[in-house]
């Protein structure tokens, strides 16, 4: 995070930097955090649903878009030692709250 920036502000900034998706395009919800004590790493997880179709672009990393019908626990395809699968399942369990219009 940049100095003085909150987690949600950083999430919107990073989303925009990576995809050109703006705060006006999506409402993000803070879903969970992971703290890795041995690796001195802290991860905040946010989720949101686009309000409409948007053109995405990014020049920091190659973008990969996938539907939710994947095995996100498959560590040969997805990073995070199964954490991505866990995050997706948590969102699915709360989608009536998190992914409403």
PDB file of N, CA and C in Angstrom:
ATOM      1  N   UNK A   1       0.832  -1.178   0.000  1.00  0.00           N
ATOM      2  CA  UNK A   1       0.000   0.000   0.000  1.00  0.00           C
ATOM      3  C   UNK A   1       0.881   1.247   0.000  1.00  0.00           C
ATOM      4  N   UNK A   2       0.355   2.264  -0.612  1.00  0.00           N
ATOM      5  CA  UNK A   2       1.046   3.538  -0.576  1.00  0.00           C
ATOM      6  C   UNK A   2       0.794   4.210   0.767  1.00  0.00           C
ATOM      7  N   UNK A   3       1.665   5.111   1.152  1.00  0.00           N
ATOM      8  CA  UNK A   3       1.575   5.782   2.446  1.00  0.00           C
ATOM      9  C   UNK A   3       0.209   6.430   2.649  1.00  0.00           C
ATOM     10  N   UNK A   4      -0.424   6.138   3.775  1.00  0.00           N
ATOM     11  CA  UNK A   4      -1.709   6.725   4.115  1.00  0.00           C
ATOM     12  C   UNK A   4      -2.902   6.100   3.420  1.00  0.00           C
ATOM     13  N   UNK A   5      -2.676   5.086   2.623  1.00  0.00           N
ATOM     14  CA  UNK A   5      -3.741   4.464   1.837  1.00  0.00           C
ATOM     15  C   UNK A   5      -4.383   3.332   2.631  1.00  0.00           C
ATOM     16  N   UNK A   6      -5.705   3.228   2.587  1.00  0.00           N
ATOM     17  CA  UNK A   6      -6.405   2.122   3.233  1.00  0.00           C
ATOM     18  C   UNK A   6      -6.377   0.903   2.317  1.00  0.00           C
ATOM     19  N   UNK A   7      -6.755  -0.253   2.873  1.00  0.00           N
ATOM     20  CA  UNK A   7      -6.779  -1.481   2.086  1.00  0.00           C
ATOM     21  C   UNK A   7      -7.717  -1.402   0.895  1.00  0.00           C
ATOM     22  N   UNK A   8      -8.916  -0.867   1.093  1.00  0.00           N
ATOM     23  CA  UNK A   8      -9.885  -0.789  -0.005  1.00  0.00           C
ATOM     24  C   UNK A   8      -9.404   0.185  -1.074  1.00  0.00           C
ATOM     25  N   UNK A   9      -8.782   1.284  -0.660  1.00  0.00           N
ATOM     26  CA  UNK A   9      -8.230   2.227  -1.642  1.00  0.00           C
ATOM     27  C   UNK A   9      -7.133   1.560  -2.467  1.00  0.00           C
ATOM     28  N   UNK A  10      -6.283   0.782  -1.800  1.00  0.00           N
ATOM     29  CA  UNK A  10      -5.220   0.064  -2.499  1.00  0.00           C
ATOM     30  C   UNK A  10      -5.803  -0.970  -3.458  1.00  0.00           C
ATOM     31  N   UNK A  11      -6.884  -1.635  -3.051  1.00  0.00           N
ATOM     32  CA  UNK A  11      -7.516  -2.639  -3.910  1.00  0.00           C
ATOM     33  C   UNK A  11      -8.060  -1.993  -5.184  1.00  0.00           C
ATOM     34  N   UNK A  12      -8.741  -0.863  -5.039  1.00  0.00           N
ATOM     35  CA  UNK A  12      -9.254  -0.160  -6.224  1.00  0.00           C
ATOM     36  C   UNK A  12      -8.108   0.336  -7.099  1.00  0.00           C
ATOM     37  N   UNK A  13      -7.045   0.857  -6.493  1.00  0.00           N
ATOM     38  CA  UNK A  13      -5.912   1.354  -7.264  1.00  0.00           C
ATOM     39  C   UNK A  13      -5.244   0.225  -8.039  1.00  0.00           C
ATOM     40  N   UNK A  14      -4.983  -0.887  -7.362  1.00  0.00           N
ATOM     41  CA  UNK A  14      -4.343  -2.027  -8.022  1.00  0.00           C
ATOM     42  C   UNK A  14      -5.213  -2.590  -9.137  1.00  0.00           C
ATOM     43  N   UNK A  15      -6.522  -2.704  -8.886  1.00  0.00           N
ATOM     44  CA  UNK A  15      -7.435  -3.198  -9.913  1.00  0.00           C
ATOM     45  C   UNK A  15      -7.369  -2.311 -11.151  1.00  0.00           C
ATOM     46  N   UNK A  16      -7.373  -1.017 -10.940  1.00  0.00           N
ATOM     47  CA  UNK A  16      -7.313  -0.087 -12.069  1.00  0.00           C
ATOM     48  C   UNK A  16      -5.969  -0.182 -12.792  1.00  0.00           C
ATOM     49  N   UNK A  17      -4.885  -0.246 -12.039  1.00  0.00           N
ATOM     50  CA  UNK A  17      -3.561  -0.334 -12.661  1.00  0.00           C
ATOM     51  C   UNK A  17      -3.406  -1.606 -13.488  1.00  0.00           C
ATOM     52  N   UNK A  18      -3.953  -2.712 -12.998  1.00  0.00           N
ATOM     53  CA  UNK A  18      -3.789  -4.000 -13.683  1.00  0.00           C
ATOM     54  C   UNK A  18      -4.776  -4.216 -14.822  1.00  0.00           C
ATOM     55  N   UNK A  19      -5.983  -3.599 -14.741  1.00  0.00           N
ATOM     56  CA  UNK A  19      -7.050  -3.949 -15.693  1.00  0.00           C
ATOM     57  C   UNK A  19      -7.749  -2.763 -16.340  1.00  0.00           C
ATOM     58  N   UNK A  20      -7.547  -1.563 -15.834  1.00  0.00           N
ATOM     59  CA  UNK A  20      -8.283  -0.354 -16.234  1.00  0.00           C
ATOM     60  C   UNK A  20      -9.738  -0.373 -15.764  1.00  0.00           C
ATOM     61  N   UNK A  21     -10.083  -1.284 -14.858  1.00  0.00           N
ATOM     62  CA  UNK A  21     -11.415  -1.308 -14.265  1.00  0.00           C
ATOM     63  C   UNK A  21     -11.420  -0.287 -13.134  1.00  0.00           C
ATOM     64  N   UNK A  22     -12.360   0.664 -13.199  1.00  0.00           N
ATOM     65  CA  UNK A  22     -12.378   1.759 -12.240  1.00  0.00           C
ATOM     66  C   UNK A  22     -13.376   1.502 -11.105  1.00  0.00           C
ATOM     67  N   UNK A  23     -13.311   2.339 -10.114  1.00  0.00           N
ATOM     68  CA  UNK A  23     -14.223   2.301  -8.972  1.00  0.00           C
ATOM     69  C   UNK A  23     -15.675   2.453  -9.426  1.00  0.00           C
ATOM     70  N   UNK A  24     -15.891   3.179 -10.516  1.00  0.00           N
ATOM     71  CA  UNK A  24     -17.244   3.370 -11.045  1.00  0.00           C
ATOM     72  C   UNK A  24     -17.771   2.103 -11.716  1.00  0.00           C
ATOM     73  N   UNK A  25     -16.868   1.191 -12.096  1.00  0.00           N
ATOM     74  CA  UNK A  25     -17.241  -0.028 -12.807  1.00  0.00           C
ATOM     75  C   UNK A  25     -17.633  -1.184 -11.885  1.00  0.00           C
ATOM     76  N   UNK A  26     -17.207  -1.123 -10.617  1.00  0.00           N
ATOM     77  CA  UNK A  26     -17.379  -2.259  -9.714  1.00  0.00           C
ATOM     78  C   UNK A  26     -17.399  -1.766  -8.272  1.00  0.00           C
ATOM     79  N   UNK A  27     -18.128  -2.480  -7.427  1.00  0.00           N
ATOM     80  CA  UNK A  27     -18.079  -2.234  -5.993  1.00  0.00           C
ATOM     81  C   UNK A  27     -17.359  -3.413  -5.359  1.00  0.00           C
ATOM     82  N   UNK A  28     -16.228  -3.139  -4.731  1.00  0.00           N
ATOM     83  CA  UNK A  28     -15.446  -4.197  -4.099  1.00  0.00           C
ATOM     84  C   UNK A  28     -15.885  -4.405  -2.656  1.00  0.00           C
ATOM     85  N   UNK A  29     -15.819  -5.667  -2.226  1.00  0.00           N
ATOM     86  CA  UNK A  29     -16.123  -6.049  -0.849  1.00  0.00           C
ATOM     87  C   UNK A  29     -14.898  -6.747  -0.272  1.00  0.00           C
ATOM     88  N   UNK A  30     -14.489  -6.365   0.927  1.00  0.00           N
ATOM     89  CA  UNK A  30     -13.371  -7.000   1.606  1.00  0.00           C
ATOM     90  C   UNK A  30     -13.872  -8.312   2.194  1.00  0.00           C
ATOM     91  N   UNK A  31     -13.345  -9.429   1.696  1.00  0.00           N
ATOM     92  CA  UNK A  31     -13.874 -10.736   2.054  1.00  0.00           C
ATOM     93  C   UNK A  31     -13.039 -11.434   3.129  1.00  0.00           C
ATOM     94  N   UNK A  32     -11.717 -11.392   2.989  1.00  0.00           N
ATOM     95  CA  UNK A  32     -10.873 -12.124   3.940  1.00  0.00           C
ATOM     96  C   UNK A  32      -9.440 -11.644   3.828  1.00  0.00           C
ATOM     97  N   UNK A  33      -8.645 -12.032   4.796  1.00  0.00           N
ATOM     98  CA  UNK A  33      -7.213 -11.750   4.812  1.00  0.00           C
ATOM     99  C   UNK A  33      -6.461 -13.030   5.136  1.00  0.00           C
ATOM    100  N   UNK A  34      -5.233 -13.095   4.660  1.00  0.00           N
ATOM    101  CA  UNK A  34      -4.325 -14.179   5.006  1.00  0.00           C
ATOM    102  C   UNK A  34      -3.033 -13.553   5.520  1.00  0.00           C
ATOM    103  N   UNK A  35      -2.547 -14.052   6.646  1.00  0.00           N
ATOM    104  CA  UNK A  35      -1.264 -13.578   7.158  1.00  0.00           C
ATOM    105  C   UNK A  35      -0.320 -14.772   7.228  1.00  0.00           C
ATOM    106  N   UNK A  36       0.785 -14.661   6.513  1.00  0.00           N
ATOM    107  CA  UNK A  36       1.800 -15.703   6.463  1.00  0.00           C
ATOM    108  C   UNK A  36       2.969 -15.260   7.334  1.00  0.00           C
ATOM    109  N   UNK A  37       2.989 -15.715   8.563  1.00  0.00           N
ATOM    110  CA  UNK A  37       3.970 -15.254   9.535  1.00  0.00           C
ATOM    111  C   UNK A  37       5.396 -15.607   9.128  1.00  0.00           C
ATOM    112  N   UNK A  38       5.626 -16.803   8.656  1.00  0.00           N
ATOM    113  CA  UNK A  38       6.985 -17.220   8.314  1.00  0.00           C
ATOM    114  C   UNK A  38       7.532 -16.503   7.088  1.00  0.00           C
ATOM    115  N   UNK A  39       6.641 -16.079   6.198  1.00  0.00           N
ATOM    116  CA  UNK A  39       7.082 -15.406   4.973  1.00  0.00           C
ATOM    117  C   UNK A  39       6.893 -13.893   5.041  1.00  0.00           C
ATOM    118  N   UNK A  40       6.437 -13.406   6.195  1.00  0.00           N
ATOM    119  CA  UNK A  40       6.234 -11.965   6.394  1.00  0.00           C
ATOM    120  C   UNK A  40       5.395 -11.376   5.260  1.00  0.00           C
ATOM    121  N   UNK A  41       4.264 -12.034   5.023  1.00  0.00           N
ATOM    122  CA  UNK A  41       3.386 -11.642   3.914  1.00  0.00           C
ATOM    123  C   UNK A  41       1.953 -11.525   4.432  1.00  0.00           C
ATOM    124  N   UNK A  42       1.265 -10.498   3.966  1.00  0.00           N
ATOM    125  CA  UNK A  42      -0.128 -10.275   4.339  1.00  0.00           C
ATOM    126  C   UNK A  42      -0.920 -10.053   3.063  1.00  0.00           C
ATOM    127  N   UNK A  43      -1.991 -10.824   2.856  1.00  0.00           N
ATOM    128  CA  UNK A  43      -2.794 -10.758   1.641  1.00  0.00           C
ATOM    129  C   UNK A  43      -4.227 -10.386   2.010  1.00  0.00           C
ATOM    130  N   UNK A  44      -4.746  -9.348   1.375  1.00  0.00           N
ATOM    131  CA  UNK A  44      -6.147  -8.970   1.547  1.00  0.00           C
ATOM    132  C   UNK A  44      -6.898  -9.408   0.297  1.00  0.00           C
ATOM    133  N   UNK A  45      -8.100  -9.958   0.482  1.00  0.00           N
ATOM    134  CA  UNK A  45      -8.891 -10.480  -0.628  1.00  0.00           C
ATOM    135  C   UNK A  45     -10.168  -9.663  -0.766  1.00  0.00           C
ATOM    136  N   UNK A  46     -10.404  -9.182  -1.972  1.00  0.00           N
ATOM    137  CA  UNK A  46     -11.596  -8.390  -2.292  1.00  0.00           C
ATOM    138  C   UNK A  46     -12.320  -9.054  -3.448  1.00  0.00           C
ATOM    139  N   UNK A  47     -13.640  -8.869  -3.496  1.00  0.00           N
ATOM    140  CA  UNK A  47     -14.441  -9.413  -4.584  1.00  0.00           C
ATOM    141  C   UNK A  47     -15.464  -8.361  -5.004  1.00  0.00           C
ATOM    142  N   UNK A  48     -15.829  -8.406  -6.272  1.00  0.00           N
ATOM    143  CA  UNK A  48     -16.850  -7.499  -6.767  1.00  0.00           C
ATOM    144  C   UNK A  48     -17.422  -8.020  -8.062  1.00  0.00           C
ATOM    145  N   UNK A  49     -18.559  -7.475  -8.432  1.00  0.00           N
ATOM    146  CA  UNK A  49     -19.225  -7.832  -9.681  1.00  0.00           C
ATOM    147  C   UNK A  49     -19.270  -6.580 -10.545  1.00  0.00           C
ATOM    148  N   UNK A  50     -18.843  -6.716 -11.792  1.00  0.00           N
ATOM    149  CA  UNK A  50     -18.886  -5.572 -12.703  1.00  0.00           C
ATOM    150  C   UNK A  50     -20.319  -5.093 -12.877  1.00  0.00           C
ATOM    151  N   UNK A  51     -20.480  -3.791 -12.952  1.00  0.00           N
ATOM    152  CA  UNK A  51     -21.802  -3.192 -13.132  1.00  0.00           C
ATOM    153  C   UNK A  51     -22.252  -3.261 -14.585  1.00  0.00           C
ATOM    154  N   UNK A  52     -21.290  -3.371 -15.511  1.00  0.00           N
ATOM    155  CA  UNK A  52     -21.577  -3.500 -16.942  1.00  0.00           C
ATOM    156  C   UNK A  52     -20.331  -4.040 -17.621  1.00  0.00           C
ATOM    157  N   UNK A  53     -20.455  -4.373 -18.886  1.00  0.00           N
ATOM    158  CA  UNK A  53     -19.285  -4.825 -19.638  1.00  0.00           C
ATOM    159  C   UNK A  53     -18.291  -3.678 -19.763  1.00  0.00           C
ATOM    160  N   UNK A  54     -17.021  -3.984 -19.610  1.00  0.00           N
ATOM    161  CA  UNK A  54     -15.975  -2.978 -19.722  1.00  0.00           C
ATOM    162  C   UNK A  54     -14.853  -3.513 -20.596  1.00  0.00           C
ATOM    163  N   UNK A  55     -14.114  -2.594 -21.198  1.00  0.00           N
ATOM    164  CA  UNK A  55     -12.905  -2.961 -21.931  1.00  0.00           C
ATOM    165  C   UNK A  55     -11.772  -3.010 -20.919  1.00  0.00           C
ATOM    166  N   UNK A  56     -11.065  -4.121 -20.876  1.00  0.00           N
ATOM    167  CA  UNK A  56      -9.957  -4.237 -19.931  1.00  0.00           C
ATOM    168  C   UNK A  56      -8.633  -4.173 -20.671  1.00  0.00           C
ATOM    169  N   UNK A  57      -7.661  -3.621 -20.007  1.00  0.00           N
ATOM    170  CA  UNK A  57      -6.309  -3.582 -20.545  1.00  0.00           C
ATOM    171  C   UNK A  57      -5.360  -3.416 -19.383  1.00  0.00           C
ATOM    172  N   UNK A  58      -4.181  -3.917 -19.565  1.00  0.00           N
ATOM    173  CA  UNK A  58      -3.162  -3.777 -18.542  1.00  0.00           C
ATOM    174  C   UNK A  58      -1.805  -4.009 -19.148  1.00  0.00           C
ATOM    175  N   UNK A  59      -0.821  -3.329 -18.626  1.00  0.00           N
ATOM    176  CA  UNK A  59       0.521  -3.507 -19.164  1.00  0.00           C
ATOM    177  C   UNK A  59       1.502  -4.008 -18.116  1.00  0.00           C
ATOM    178  N   UNK A  60       1.039  -4.248 -16.891  1.00  0.00           N
ATOM    179  CA  UNK A  60       1.944  -4.747 -15.856  1.00  0.00           C
ATOM    180  C   UNK A  60       2.116  -6.262 -15.949  1.00  0.00           C
ATOM    181  N   UNK A  61       1.032  -6.985 -16.187  1.00  0.00           N
ATOM    182  CA  UNK A  61       1.064  -8.445 -16.294  1.00  0.00           C
ATOM    183  C   UNK A  61       0.070  -8.879 -17.359  1.00  0.00           C
ATOM    184  N   UNK A  62       0.294 -10.069 -17.924  1.00  0.00           N
ATOM    185  CA  UNK A  62      -0.660 -10.619 -18.874  1.00  0.00           C
ATOM    186  C   UNK A  62      -1.938 -10.967 -18.123  1.00  0.00           C
ATOM    187  N   UNK A  63      -3.089 -10.567 -18.680  1.00  0.00           N
ATOM    188  CA  UNK A  63      -4.372 -10.824 -18.038  1.00  0.00           C
ATOM    189  C   UNK A  63      -4.903 -12.190 -18.451  1.00  0.00           C
ATOM    190  N   UNK A  64      -5.451 -12.918 -17.500  1.00  0.00           N
ATOM    191  CA  UNK A  64      -6.062 -14.215 -17.755  1.00  0.00           C
ATOM    192  C   UNK A  64      -7.446 -14.195 -17.128  1.00  0.00           C
ATOM    193  N   UNK A  65      -8.465 -14.419 -17.941  1.00  0.00           N
ATOM    194  CA  UNK A  65      -9.846 -14.405 -17.457  1.00  0.00           C
ATOM    195  C   UNK A  65     -10.398 -15.815 -17.526  1.00  0.00           C
ATOM    196  N   UNK A  66     -11.086 -16.215 -16.481  1.00  0.00           N
ATOM    197  CA  UNK A  66     -11.610 -17.567 -16.404  1.00  0.00           C
ATOM    198  C   UNK A  66     -13.013 -17.522 -15.802  1.00  0.00           C
ATOM    199  N   UNK A  67     -13.831 -18.493 -16.190  1.00  0.00           N
ATOM    200  CA  UNK A  67     -15.143 -18.586 -15.551  1.00  0.00           C
ATOM    201  C   UNK A  67     -14.975 -19.297 -14.204  1.00  0.00           C
ATOM    202  N   UNK A  68     -16.044 -19.419 -13.465  1.00  0.00           N
ATOM    203  CA  UNK A  68     -15.966 -20.031 -12.139  1.00  0.00           C
ATOM    204  C   UNK A  68     -16.067 -21.548 -12.166  1.00  0.00           C
ATOM    205  N   UNK A  69     -16.182 -22.139 -13.350  1.00  0.00           N
ATOM    206  CA  UNK A  69     -16.314 -23.589 -13.472  1.00  0.00           C
ATOM    207  C   UNK A  69     -14.959 -24.252 -13.693  1.00  0.00           C
ATOM    208  N   UNK A  70     -14.007 -23.904 -12.870  1.00  0.00           N
ATOM    209  CA  UNK A  70     -12.661 -24.471 -12.910  1.00  0.00           C
ATOM    210  C   UNK A  70     -12.379 -25.131 -11.567  1.00  0.00           C
ATOM    211  N   UNK A  71     -11.384 -26.012 -11.545  1.00  0.00           N
ATOM    212  CA  UNK A  71     -10.926 -26.574 -10.276  1.00  0.00           C
ATOM    213  C   UNK A  71      -9.802 -25.678  -9.764  1.00  0.00           C
ATOM    214  N   UNK A  72     -10.172 -24.661  -9.004  1.00  0.00           N
ATOM    215  CA  UNK A  72      -9.192 -23.705  -8.500  1.00  0.00           C
ATOM    216  C   UNK A  72      -8.322 -24.276  -7.394  1.00  0.00           C
ATOM    217  N   UNK A  73      -8.583 -25.518  -7.012  1.00  0.00           N
ATOM    218  CA  UNK A  73      -7.711 -26.215  -6.066  1.00  0.00           C
ATOM    219  C   UNK A  73      -6.575 -26.939  -6.796  1.00  0.00           C
ATOM    220  N   UNK A  74      -6.614 -26.984  -8.118  1.00  0.00           N
ATOM    221  CA  UNK A  74      -5.592 -27.657  -8.917  1.00  0.00           C
ATOM    222  C   UNK A  74      -4.313 -26.823  -8.906  1.00  0.00           C
ATOM    223  N   UNK A  75      -3.347 -27.244  -8.104  1.00  0.00           N
ATOM    224  CA  UNK A  75      -2.118 -26.476  -7.939  1.00  0.00           C
ATOM    225  C   UNK A  75      -1.199 -26.563  -9.156  1.00  0.00           C
ATOM    226  N   UNK A  76      -1.510 -27.449 -10.118  1.00  0.00           N
ATOM    227  CA  UNK A  76      -0.717 -27.467 -11.350  1.00  0.00           C
ATOM    228  C   UNK A  76      -1.151 -26.345 -12.289  1.00  0.00           C
ATOM    229  N   UNK A  77      -2.346 -25.776 -12.054  1.00  0.00           N
ATOM    230  CA  UNK A  77      -2.855 -24.696 -12.892  1.00  0.00           C
ATOM    231  C   UNK A  77      -2.918 -23.349 -12.191  1.00  0.00           C
ATOM    232  N   UNK A  78      -3.142 -23.367 -10.869  1.00  0.00           N
ATOM    233  CA  UNK A  78      -3.377 -22.125 -10.138  1.00  0.00           C
ATOM    234  C   UNK A  78      -2.429 -22.011  -8.951  1.00  0.00           C
ATOM    235  N   UNK A  79      -1.921 -20.814  -8.745  1.00  0.00           N
ATOM    236  CA  UNK A  79      -1.016 -20.545  -7.629  1.00  0.00           C
ATOM    237  C   UNK A  79      -1.790 -20.520  -6.317  1.00  0.00           C
ATOM    238  N   UNK A  80      -1.069 -20.444  -5.221  1.00  0.00           N
ATOM    239  CA  UNK A  80      -1.695 -20.221  -3.927  1.00  0.00           C
ATOM    240  C   UNK A  80      -1.910 -21.456  -3.090  1.00  0.00           C
ATOM    241  N   UNK A  81      -1.363 -22.599  -3.465  1.00  0.00           N
ATOM    242  CA  UNK A  81      -1.478 -23.826  -2.671  1.00  0.00           C
ATOM    243  C   UNK A  81      -2.916 -24.136  -2.269  1.00  0.00           C
ATOM    244  N   UNK A  82      -3.849 -23.900  -3.177  1.00  0.00           N
ATOM    245  CA  UNK A  82      -5.265 -24.178  -2.909  1.00  0.00           C
ATOM    246  C   UNK A  82      -6.026 -22.994  -2.348  1.00  0.00           C
ATOM    247  N   UNK A  83      -5.322 -21.912  -2.008  1.00  0.00           N
ATOM    248  CA  UNK A  83      -6.002 -20.748  -1.431  1.00  0.00           C
ATOM    249  C   UNK A  83      -6.997 -20.120  -2.391  1.00  0.00           C
ATOM    250  N   UNK A  84      -6.687 -20.117  -3.679  1.00  0.00           N
ATOM    251  CA  UNK A  84      -7.617 -19.532  -4.646  1.00  0.00           C
ATOM    252  C   UNK A  84      -8.929 -20.313  -4.636  1.00  0.00           C
ATOM    253  N   UNK A  85      -8.835 -21.638  -4.581  1.00  0.00           N
ATOM    254  CA  UNK A  85     -10.041 -22.460  -4.479  1.00  0.00           C
ATOM    255  C   UNK A  85     -10.835 -22.134  -3.236  1.00  0.00           C
ATOM    256  N   UNK A  86     -10.153 -21.973  -2.120  1.00  0.00           N
ATOM    257  CA  UNK A  86     -10.809 -21.617  -0.857  1.00  0.00           C
ATOM    258  C   UNK A  86     -11.503 -20.263  -0.987  1.00  0.00           C
ATOM    259  N   UNK A  87     -10.827 -19.287  -1.580  1.00  0.00           N
ATOM    260  CA  UNK A  87     -11.419 -17.957  -1.748  1.00  0.00           C
ATOM    261  C   UNK A  87     -12.680 -18.028  -2.605  1.00  0.00           C
ATOM    262  N   UNK A  88     -12.602 -18.747  -3.723  1.00  0.00           N
ATOM    263  CA  UNK A  88     -13.747 -18.882  -4.634  1.00  0.00           C
ATOM    264  C   UNK A  88     -14.921 -19.540  -3.911  1.00  0.00           C
ATOM    265  N   UNK A  89     -14.658 -20.595  -3.145  1.00  0.00           N
ATOM    266  CA  UNK A  89     -15.730 -21.291  -2.428  1.00  0.00           C
ATOM    267  C   UNK A  89     -16.374 -20.377  -1.389  1.00  0.00           C
ATOM    268  N   UNK A  90     -15.586 -19.569  -0.699  1.00  0.00           N
ATOM    269  CA  UNK A  90     -16.136 -18.623   0.271  1.00  0.00           C
ATOM    270  C   UNK A  90     -17.036 -17.597  -0.412  1.00  0.00           C
ATOM    271  N   UNK A  91     -16.616 -17.120  -1.570  1.00  0.00           N
ATOM    272  CA  UNK A  91     -17.443 -16.160  -2.322  1.00  0.00           C
ATOM    273  C   UNK A  91     -18.733 -16.828  -2.779  1.00  0.00           C
ATOM    274  N   UNK A  92     -18.644 -18.061  -3.275  1.00  0.00           N
ATOM    275  CA  UNK A  92     -19.849 -18.774  -3.708  1.00  0.00           C
ATOM    276  C   UNK A  92     -20.840 -18.924  -2.555  1.00  0.00           C
ATOM    277  N   UNK A  93     -20.324 -19.187  -1.350  1.00  0.00           N
ATOM    278  CA  UNK A  93     -21.196 -19.365  -0.188  1.00  0.00           C
ATOM    279  C   UNK A  93     -21.905 -18.066   0.195  1.00  0.00           C
ATOM    280  N   UNK A  94     -21.342 -16.934  -0.191  1.00  0.00           N
ATOM    281  CA  UNK A  94     -21.917 -15.632   0.172  1.00  0.00           C
ATOM    282  C   UNK A  94     -22.307 -14.808  -1.039  1.00  0.00           C
ATOM    283  N   UNK A  95     -22.501 -15.464  -2.188  1.00  0.00           N
ATOM    284  CA  UNK A  95     -22.739 -14.687  -3.411  1.00  0.00           C
ATOM    285  C   UNK A  95     -24.028 -13.868  -3.357  1.00  0.00           C
ATOM    286  N   UNK A  96     -25.015 -14.306  -2.591  1.00  0.00           N
ATOM    287  CA  UNK A  96     -26.251 -13.498  -2.505  1.00  0.00           C
ATOM    288  C   UNK A  96     -25.985 -12.158  -1.812  1.00  0.00           C
ATOM    289  N   UNK A  97     -24.958 -12.084  -1.009  1.00  0.00           N
ATOM    290  CA  UNK A  97     -24.585 -10.841  -0.342  1.00  0.00           C
ATOM    291  C   UNK A  97     -23.575 -10.063  -1.176  1.00  0.00           C
ATOM    292  N   UNK A  98     -22.572 -10.759  -1.698  1.00  0.00           N
ATOM    293  CA  UNK A  98     -21.435 -10.116  -2.346  1.00  0.00           C
ATOM    294  C   UNK A  98     -21.656  -9.743  -3.808  1.00  0.00           C
ATOM    295  N   UNK A  99     -22.459 -10.507  -4.512  1.00  0.00           N
ATOM    296  CA  UNK A  99     -22.551 -10.340  -5.963  1.00  0.00           C
ATOM    297  C   UNK A  99     -23.920  -9.885  -6.428  1.00  0.00           C
ATOM    298  N   UNK A 100     -24.595  -9.124  -5.608  1.00  0.00           N
ATOM    299  CA  UNK A 100     -25.885  -8.582  -6.011  1.00  0.00           C
ATOM    300  C   UNK A 100     -25.687  -7.314  -6.822  1.00  0.00           C
ATOM    301  N   UNK A 101     -26.689  -6.946  -7.573  1.00  0.00           N
ATOM    302  CA  UNK A 101     -26.607  -5.722  -8.381  1.00  0.00           C
ATOM    303  C   UNK A 101     -26.794  -4.486  -7.537  1.00  0.00           C
TER     304      UNK A 101
END
